[in-house]
Each structure stands twice: as structure tokens, then as C-alpha cells.
């Protein structure tokens, strides 16, 4: 019976180590691109909102592509992780958007929809307050991200 407990513990340890290595691999990508010289400034890095919210400093000054729930309003333009975060005022699960007046007008019709966005991350700007987790500016792409209900991806 002791042997079974050891296997279970070592199995748990193996799973924990695997998750740790996976996290290191994902977090190392921005650093590898920065140090390795293979980072193409014109090509945005695909990154999820969870990674951006958790460690925005890893993407400081980088061009990124991500998805989220867009809100353009007087109280503050922002990209939220989920619609529920917007509805419940969970602004730490969002990034402020640095939009020019012309962009605000052009993108207003996309407000309160899920979108794909490409722009530059500002982790330590004025927006890094108790309100937002950072900002996205120099926006080069912003479009509706269609939700296909009932579609199971990767089948």
C-alpha cells in the first residue's frame, strides 16, 4: 500500500512539473523573441488575454494579437477578458485602449462585441492602476470575432 502512495505522489509531482515546464515555455516566448533577434516587429505575437492580464510586463512594447470583449464608452475604452467581466465591472480583467478620436468613431459599432485586436502593449503606462491591468495602443487591427454557436473546434 505504501508503494501505491509513492506512485500517486510521484505521479502528482510529475504532473506538477509538466505544468511548470509548460508555463515556462509559454512565458519564455516573449523573452526568446526579445533576445534571439527572431522577433518580427511587423508580425504580432498571438497571446491570450489571461497571459496578458497575468504578466503584462512580459509583453511591454510588443505588438500582440488577442481576443476579448470590446467596450467603447465615455468611462473608458477597454478590452475585457469576458462579457461578464464588463457587465460586473471587473476592470482588472481588462486592458484600457488608447484610441484616437477617429478610431473611437470608426470602432464604435464594434462595442459590446467580441473582437480580434492587434496593437502594442503598455504594461506600465498611466492605465496600469487599480482600474486596468495595462493598455493596448497603436491599434492596427480591430474586427468582430465571430462566435459560432454549436461549433466544436478542432474536429
C-alpha atoms as a PDB file:
ATOM      1  CA  UNK A   1       0.000   0.000   0.000  1.00  0.00           C
ATOM      2  CA  UNK A   2       2.910   2.343   0.738  1.00  0.00           C
ATOM      3  CA  UNK A   3       4.192   1.714  -2.764  1.00  0.00           C
ATOM      4  CA  UNK A   4       0.846   2.854  -4.255  1.00  0.00           C
ATOM      5  CA  UNK A   5       1.003   6.073  -2.237  1.00  0.00           C
ATOM      6  CA  UNK A   6       4.503   6.785  -3.529  1.00  0.00           C
ATOM      7  CA  UNK A   7       3.411   6.263  -7.113  1.00  0.00           C
ATOM      8  CA  UNK A   8       0.476   8.589  -6.601  1.00  0.00           C
ATOM      9  CA  UNK A   9       2.725  11.237  -5.044  1.00  0.00           C
ATOM     10  CA  UNK A  10       5.338  10.929  -7.756  1.00  0.00           C
ATOM     11  CA  UNK A  11       2.581  10.968 -10.370  1.00  0.00           C
ATOM     12  CA  UNK A  12       1.254  14.193  -8.860  1.00  0.00           C
ATOM     13  CA  UNK A  13       4.768  15.576  -8.807  1.00  0.00           C
ATOM     14  CA  UNK A  14       5.241  14.643 -12.464  1.00  0.00           C
ATOM     15  CA  UNK A  15       2.012  16.432 -13.397  1.00  0.00           C
ATOM     16  CA  UNK A  16       3.065  19.480 -11.390  1.00  0.00           C
ATOM     17  CA  UNK A  17       6.485  19.534 -13.071  1.00  0.00           C
ATOM     18  CA  UNK A  18       4.851  19.175 -16.501  1.00  0.00           C
ATOM     19  CA  UNK A  19       2.577  22.166 -15.840  1.00  0.00           C
ATOM     20  CA  UNK A  20       5.535  24.172 -14.568  1.00  0.00           C
ATOM     21  CA  UNK A  21       7.572  23.404 -17.689  1.00  0.00           C
ATOM     22  CA  UNK A  22       4.623  24.283 -19.911  1.00  0.00           C
ATOM     23  CA  UNK A  23       4.216  27.608 -18.117  1.00  0.00           C
ATOM     24  CA  UNK A  24       7.924  28.320 -18.508  1.00  0.00           C
ATOM     25  CA  UNK A  25       7.751  27.550 -22.214  1.00  0.00           C
ATOM     26  CA  UNK A  26       4.798  29.895 -22.760  1.00  0.00           C
ATOM     27  CA  UNK A  27       6.322  32.687 -20.660  1.00  0.00           C
ATOM     28  CA  UNK A  28       9.728  32.273 -22.294  1.00  0.00           C
ATOM     29  CA  UNK A  29       8.400  33.061 -25.765  1.00  0.00           C
ATOM     30  CA  UNK A  30       8.424  36.853 -25.342  1.00  0.00           C
ATOM     31  CA  UNK A  31      11.934  36.745 -23.844  1.00  0.00           C
ATOM     32  CA  UNK A  32      13.251  34.437 -26.559  1.00  0.00           C
ATOM     33  CA  UNK A  33      11.890  36.739 -29.223  1.00  0.00           C
ATOM     34  CA  UNK A  34      13.398  39.732 -27.485  1.00  0.00           C
ATOM     35  CA  UNK A  35      16.855  38.201 -27.014  1.00  0.00           C
ATOM     36  CA  UNK A  36      17.054  35.956 -30.054  1.00  0.00           C
ATOM     37  CA  UNK A  37      16.567  38.621 -32.676  1.00  0.00           C
ATOM     38  CA  UNK A  38      13.981  36.500 -34.490  1.00  0.00           C
ATOM     39  CA  UNK A  39      11.143  38.736 -33.328  1.00  0.00           C
ATOM     40  CA  UNK A  40       9.475  40.302 -36.348  1.00  0.00           C
ATOM     41  CA  UNK A  41       8.208  43.702 -35.220  1.00  0.00           C
ATOM     42  CA  UNK A  42       5.690  43.821 -38.065  1.00  0.00           C
ATOM     43  CA  UNK A  43       4.156  40.480 -37.045  1.00  0.00           C
ATOM     44  CA  UNK A  44       2.127  40.491 -33.814  1.00  0.00           C
ATOM     45  CA  UNK A  45       2.602  37.793 -31.178  1.00  0.00           C
ATOM     46  CA  UNK A  46      -0.517  35.666 -30.600  1.00  0.00           C
ATOM     47  CA  UNK A  47      -1.303  35.807 -26.897  1.00  0.00           C
ATOM     48  CA  UNK A  48      -4.383  35.144 -24.806  1.00  0.00           C
ATOM     49  CA  UNK A  49      -5.933  37.733 -22.536  1.00  0.00           C
ATOM     50  CA  UNK A  50      -5.236  35.558 -19.487  1.00  0.00           C
ATOM     51  CA  UNK A  51      -1.489  35.705 -20.179  1.00  0.00           C
ATOM     52  CA  UNK A  52      -1.667  39.458 -20.804  1.00  0.00           C
ATOM     53  CA  UNK A  53      -3.565  40.105 -17.580  1.00  0.00           C
ATOM     54  CA  UNK A  54      -1.307  37.828 -15.533  1.00  0.00           C
ATOM     55  CA  UNK A  55       2.009  39.257 -16.741  1.00  0.00           C
ATOM     56  CA  UNK A  56       1.606  42.355 -18.932  1.00  0.00           C
ATOM     57  CA  UNK A  57       5.255  43.305 -18.338  1.00  0.00           C
ATOM     58  CA  UNK A  58       6.286  40.258 -20.417  1.00  0.00           C
ATOM     59  CA  UNK A  59       4.723  41.947 -23.450  1.00  0.00           C
ATOM     60  CA  UNK A  60       5.741  45.563 -22.777  1.00  0.00           C
ATOM     61  CA  UNK A  61       6.229  47.365 -26.094  1.00  0.00           C
ATOM     62  CA  UNK A  62       5.402  44.235 -28.098  1.00  0.00           C
ATOM     63  CA  UNK A  63       2.896  44.042 -30.903  1.00  0.00           C
ATOM     64  CA  UNK A  64       0.279  41.446 -29.906  1.00  0.00           C
ATOM     65  CA  UNK A  65      -2.839  39.826 -31.327  1.00  0.00           C
ATOM     66  CA  UNK A  66      -5.550  38.776 -28.883  1.00  0.00           C
ATOM     67  CA  UNK A  67      -9.316  38.411 -28.461  1.00  0.00           C
ATOM     68  CA  UNK A  68     -11.669  39.913 -25.950  1.00  0.00           C
ATOM     69  CA  UNK A  69     -14.906  41.757 -25.286  1.00  0.00           C
ATOM     70  CA  UNK A  70     -14.743  45.344 -26.508  1.00  0.00           C
ATOM     71  CA  UNK A  71     -16.309  48.265 -24.701  1.00  0.00           C
ATOM     72  CA  UNK A  72     -16.106  51.783 -26.119  1.00  0.00           C
ATOM     73  CA  UNK A  73     -17.716  54.254 -23.724  1.00  0.00           C
ATOM     74  CA  UNK A  74     -17.103  57.579 -22.023  1.00  0.00           C
ATOM     75  CA  UNK A  75     -15.992  55.969 -18.748  1.00  0.00           C
ATOM     76  CA  UNK A  76     -13.118  54.281 -20.533  1.00  0.00           C
ATOM     77  CA  UNK A  77     -12.472  52.264 -23.653  1.00  0.00           C
ATOM     78  CA  UNK A  78     -11.340  48.765 -22.750  1.00  0.00           C
ATOM     79  CA  UNK A  79     -10.880  45.191 -23.887  1.00  0.00           C
ATOM     80  CA  UNK A  80     -12.230  42.705 -21.321  1.00  0.00           C
ATOM     81  CA  UNK A  81     -11.455  39.032 -20.908  1.00  0.00           C
ATOM     82  CA  UNK A  82     -15.188  38.172 -20.970  1.00  0.00           C
ATOM     83  CA  UNK A  83     -18.506  39.932 -21.405  1.00  0.00           C
ATOM     84  CA  UNK A  84     -19.330  39.025 -17.794  1.00  0.00           C
ATOM     85  CA  UNK A  85     -16.243  40.926 -16.616  1.00  0.00           C
ATOM     86  CA  UNK A  86     -17.581  44.040 -18.341  1.00  0.00           C
ATOM     87  CA  UNK A  87     -21.133  43.546 -17.056  1.00  0.00           C
ATOM     88  CA  UNK A  88     -19.924  43.107 -13.465  1.00  0.00           C
ATOM     89  CA  UNK A  89     -17.327  45.890 -13.558  1.00  0.00           C
ATOM     90  CA  UNK A  90     -14.297  43.612 -13.183  1.00  0.00           C
ATOM     91  CA  UNK A  91     -11.932  46.103 -14.773  1.00  0.00           C
ATOM     92  CA  UNK A  92      -8.751  44.355 -13.566  1.00  0.00           C
ATOM     93  CA  UNK A  93      -9.706  41.698 -16.136  1.00  0.00           C
ATOM     94  CA  UNK A  94      -9.296  44.278 -18.878  1.00  0.00           C
ATOM     95  CA  UNK A  95      -6.847  46.494 -20.711  1.00  0.00           C
ATOM     96  CA  UNK A  96      -7.516  50.142 -21.406  1.00  0.00           C
ATOM     97  CA  UNK A  97      -7.461  51.015 -25.097  1.00  0.00           C
ATOM     98  CA  UNK A  98      -5.569  54.006 -26.407  1.00  0.00           C
ATOM     99  CA  UNK A  99      -7.832  55.085 -29.235  1.00  0.00           C
ATOM    100  CA  UNK A 100      -7.549  58.236 -31.297  1.00  0.00           C
ATOM    101  CA  UNK A 101     -10.784  60.187 -31.713  1.00  0.00           C
ATOM    102  CA  UNK A 102     -11.082  58.956 -35.310  1.00  0.00           C
ATOM    103  CA  UNK A 103     -10.601  55.335 -34.169  1.00  0.00           C
ATOM    104  CA  UNK A 104     -13.277  55.718 -31.482  1.00  0.00           C
ATOM    105  CA  UNK A 105     -15.744  56.804 -34.152  1.00  0.00           C
ATOM    106  CA  UNK A 106     -14.714  54.073 -36.583  1.00  0.00           C
ATOM    107  CA  UNK A 107     -14.806  51.260 -33.986  1.00  0.00           C
ATOM    108  CA  UNK A 108     -17.907  52.381 -32.042  1.00  0.00           C
ATOM    109  CA  UNK A 109     -20.077  49.883 -33.964  1.00  0.00           C
ATOM    110  CA  UNK A 110     -17.906  47.036 -32.605  1.00  0.00           C
ATOM    111  CA  UNK A 111     -18.555  47.981 -28.985  1.00  0.00           C
ATOM    112  CA  UNK A 112     -20.105  45.267 -26.788  1.00  0.00           C
ATOM    113  CA  UNK A 113     -18.915  42.517 -29.139  1.00  0.00           C
ATOM    114  CA  UNK A 114     -16.088  40.027 -29.050  1.00  0.00           C
ATOM    115  CA  UNK A 115     -13.235  41.227 -31.227  1.00  0.00           C
ATOM    116  CA  UNK A 116      -9.801  40.368 -32.520  1.00  0.00           C
ATOM    117  CA  UNK A 117      -7.339  43.166 -31.848  1.00  0.00           C
ATOM    118  CA  UNK A 118      -3.737  43.874 -32.799  1.00  0.00           C
ATOM    119  CA  UNK A 119      -1.749  46.586 -31.090  1.00  0.00           C
ATOM    120  CA  UNK A 120       1.121  47.442 -28.757  1.00  0.00           C
ATOM    121  CA  UNK A 121       1.033  46.541 -25.051  1.00  0.00           C
ATOM    122  CA  UNK A 122       1.815  49.212 -22.471  1.00  0.00           C
ATOM    123  CA  UNK A 123       2.166  47.448 -19.135  1.00  0.00           C
ATOM    124  CA  UNK A 124       3.477  50.374 -17.120  1.00  0.00           C
ATOM    125  CA  UNK A 125       1.555  53.293 -18.545  1.00  0.00           C
ATOM    126  CA  UNK A 126      -0.901  55.554 -16.756  1.00  0.00           C
ATOM    127  CA  UNK A 127      -3.522  52.868 -17.286  1.00  0.00           C
ATOM    128  CA  UNK A 128      -1.695  50.398 -15.001  1.00  0.00           C
ATOM    129  CA  UNK A 129      -3.723  51.419 -11.990  1.00  0.00           C
ATOM    130  CA  UNK A 130      -6.248  49.812  -9.713  1.00  0.00           C
ATOM    131  CA  UNK A 131      -8.642  50.018 -12.619  1.00  0.00           C
ATOM    132  CA  UNK A 132      -6.950  48.247 -15.574  1.00  0.00           C
ATOM    133  CA  UNK A 133      -4.138  45.729 -15.974  1.00  0.00           C
ATOM    134  CA  UNK A 134      -2.398  47.846 -18.630  1.00  0.00           C
ATOM    135  CA  UNK A 135      -3.176  49.316 -22.024  1.00  0.00           C
ATOM    136  CA  UNK A 136      -3.159  48.458 -25.709  1.00  0.00           C
ATOM    137  CA  UNK A 137      -2.336  51.261 -28.134  1.00  0.00           C
ATOM    138  CA  UNK A 138      -1.090  51.772 -31.684  1.00  0.00           C
ATOM    139  CA  UNK A 139      -4.022  49.624 -32.760  1.00  0.00           C
ATOM    140  CA  UNK A 140      -3.540  48.340 -36.293  1.00  0.00           C
ATOM    141  CA  UNK A 141      -6.410  45.862 -36.474  1.00  0.00           C
ATOM    142  CA  UNK A 142      -9.785  45.633 -34.749  1.00  0.00           C
ATOM    143  CA  UNK A 143     -12.569  43.473 -36.107  1.00  0.00           C
ATOM    144  CA  UNK A 144     -15.505  41.381 -34.916  1.00  0.00           C
ATOM    145  CA  UNK A 145     -14.560  37.893 -33.824  1.00  0.00           C
ATOM    146  CA  UNK A 146     -17.493  35.732 -34.928  1.00  0.00           C
ATOM    147  CA  UNK A 147     -18.830  33.256 -32.405  1.00  0.00           C
ATOM    148  CA  UNK A 148     -20.032  30.040 -33.981  1.00  0.00           C
ATOM    149  CA  UNK A 149     -22.586  28.596 -31.592  1.00  0.00           C
ATOM    150  CA  UNK A 150     -22.700  24.835 -31.508  1.00  0.00           C
ATOM    151  CA  UNK A 151     -19.371  24.551 -33.347  1.00  0.00           C
ATOM    152  CA  UNK A 152     -16.835  22.337 -31.643  1.00  0.00           C
ATOM    153  CA  UNK A 153     -13.334  23.471 -32.653  1.00  0.00           C
ATOM    154  CA  UNK A 154     -10.649  21.046 -33.831  1.00  0.00           C
ATOM    155  CA  UNK A 155     -12.926  18.260 -35.006  1.00  0.00           C
END
